[in-house]
Structure formats: C-alpha cells, structure tokens
C-alpha cells in the first residue's frame, strides 16, 4: 500500500478536507444520488464516493420498467433512471470518486478511502451514508458448490456484464428479486425450472408474479431447499415441503435438475461503517434487521451523520430516492439552516413517502419505523 499523491489520483487531494467538502455521500445508488443532487442544488459542496466504476447502484442492472406514478419514474427502466440521475450529477458538477471503497471510519470523523492501491483520508462536515445492503444467503448441504449464487449477483452478471451463468435455474425465494431475476433469465433464453418459497404465499408484487405464472414457471409454496447435488458443480437441487414450524417433511423430497441455484431470500443493511462511527444500531426485522436508528430527518444518533436507502430500511428504489432527498436537504439545513427551497424539498418528499406507505405492501415498514424511538 502506498501513500497517494496528486499524481496518483484523478483529483486534487486538497479538495478532500472538511473546509472543501460540506457533505460526503457514501454510495452512488438511487438514494445516494438523490441525496447528493438535493444538497448540491441547495448550494452545498458535495462529494460522492462509490465502489463501482459507474454511478447508479442497483439501477444499472434493472431492465424492467418501474410502476407507480410519473413522479417516481413510472414506465422508465431502472438503467435509464440511473442515466438520468448520473446526468444530473454531471450537470451540477458534483465531485465524484468511483471505484473507491470506504474501508473505515476513524477518529476525528475521517473516512479511509481505498482506490486502486492508494489509501487516502476524506474529511467532511456532514456524511450521508447510502451504502445499500448485501444479499442474505442460506445454509444447506453442498451450498458451496459452484453454481450457487445470490440472485442479485446473477442479475449483475447478466445485465451489466452480459454473462449468463447457466442454462437451467432453480430459484429460492419469491420476493420481488426472486420474481424479477427469473423473468429476466427467461428473456435471456435460460430455462427456469421452478421458484421455491418457504411461506404459503408469494412475497413479491402481483405484477411480477403474474409474468412468471404466464411463462409457465411452477412456484412451490411451503417448500425449501435441503440439498444441492453435483460433484464439480451444481447438477440438481433437492427441495422438500415444510410443516407449520418450517420443518422439512420426510417423504416429500423432489429432485429438480438445474445447473444453477439462485438464492433470493432478502437483504441485510450494510451497517459496518456506522458501527465504527458510534451510531446507535437497532434490530428491527420489519426494516431488514440491524439498522441505524434515525429520525424523520434521516439523522442518526450522531447528528452529523445521515442515512437513506436500503441502509436505513430494505424497501424499493422509489422510497430510497425520496429518503435520499430528505437526507440531502436535512444535511444541508444542519449546516446552513432551513430555507424555503430546502423546506419544500423535504415536505414534498415526506408527502410522497406517506402516500406510498399507505399501500398494504408497506405495512411492515410503517410498523417497523414506529420501533425507531429515541
């Protein structure tokens, strides 16, 4: 590891000090981008740090069209929303460092940033963490065989890098990712053998489930995977019915031929840096597990740190973007005070969030947020 200098990096290190950066946004996905855009439009000096080579986060691999209202990009594909937001970042001349990983939160509120083989510090007055979430995995026999993937990883391989990792898939989990990714596999010419769901109902939106059913893909409810078969790689998956206590029922096993098993059983917020920063972390299952405590302003227990997106609550991109706007505007207000423009941004975002969360699908989020008490 070498100490960087300005010849090593495509930016001036002197810009990365607290007197140059008002708000540092960690994560260039939908929440982080909206946060940075809101703060920059209000007049803050903003820096975005993201570990991917391009901005957009999960949006860049989403080929499906969003639904809802026009204000939330109804009818626009996720990858096109990423382009729209990235263009706004460029037009606003927001400073961006890509292909860079935040490796630690240190004393005096300094971030350690690793880019290529250079490690350097970043110091800002306020931080907005929009680091997203990681895929949950599942333990079963031979789960370490080549061919067992997270569903989101397969989506990235296909839609970002053009790699189809197999020709017959078995999908575990029927949330939105567990429905969207197999449909995209079908579009790529891959056979989807089945979707397996441990609950007695499909977890994702009906609009996604309906497309899967029309394609003739069987969905096994109250089933789980117990084993992957194969020697050098996955050749089949063995599933079983489950009882009322989710125990496997002997004699109900089915063997399904496949060369890849996709695990789509949810996400967990990436809270490691916030632990290091001393933020209060609560366990709220409805919000995704261990999440940073935050108030309606998206402010954590550390008043200079704000959060948004999947890091704050496992939800949808539309709500992540609205939370991002609130976090960016509130971070600005914590520095420079409330203005008519910042107040309008926050109020509109809160109103739209409230409308979205009246949906039955958002009931768990409403209950979960009630648990985030001071």
Foldseek 3Di string as FASTA:
>chain_A
DDADAPVVDPDHPVCQAAVNAAEEEEAQALLSLLLQLLLLVVPGQYEYEEQAPAGHPLLLLFQDADDDDVVLRGRHRSNVVRVVSVVSCVVSVHHYDYNKDFPAQDPPRWTWIDHDHHIDIGYHQFYEYAPAWAADDDDAAPCVFPQEEALSVQSCCCRPVNDHRFAEEEEEAQAPSSQRSVVVSVVVNHHYAAYEYLAQDGHYDPVSVVSCVVVVHYYHYQKGWHYFDDDRFGFWTKMAHADPVRHGDPPRIDIGTTRHYHYHDATAAPCVRVVNVVWDWDAQVLFHGTAGQADLLQATPPRRYGYFDSNHGDDDSSLRNLSSSSNSLVNSCVPVNDDPSSVVSNVVSVVVNVVVCVDPSNPSVVVRNVVSDD
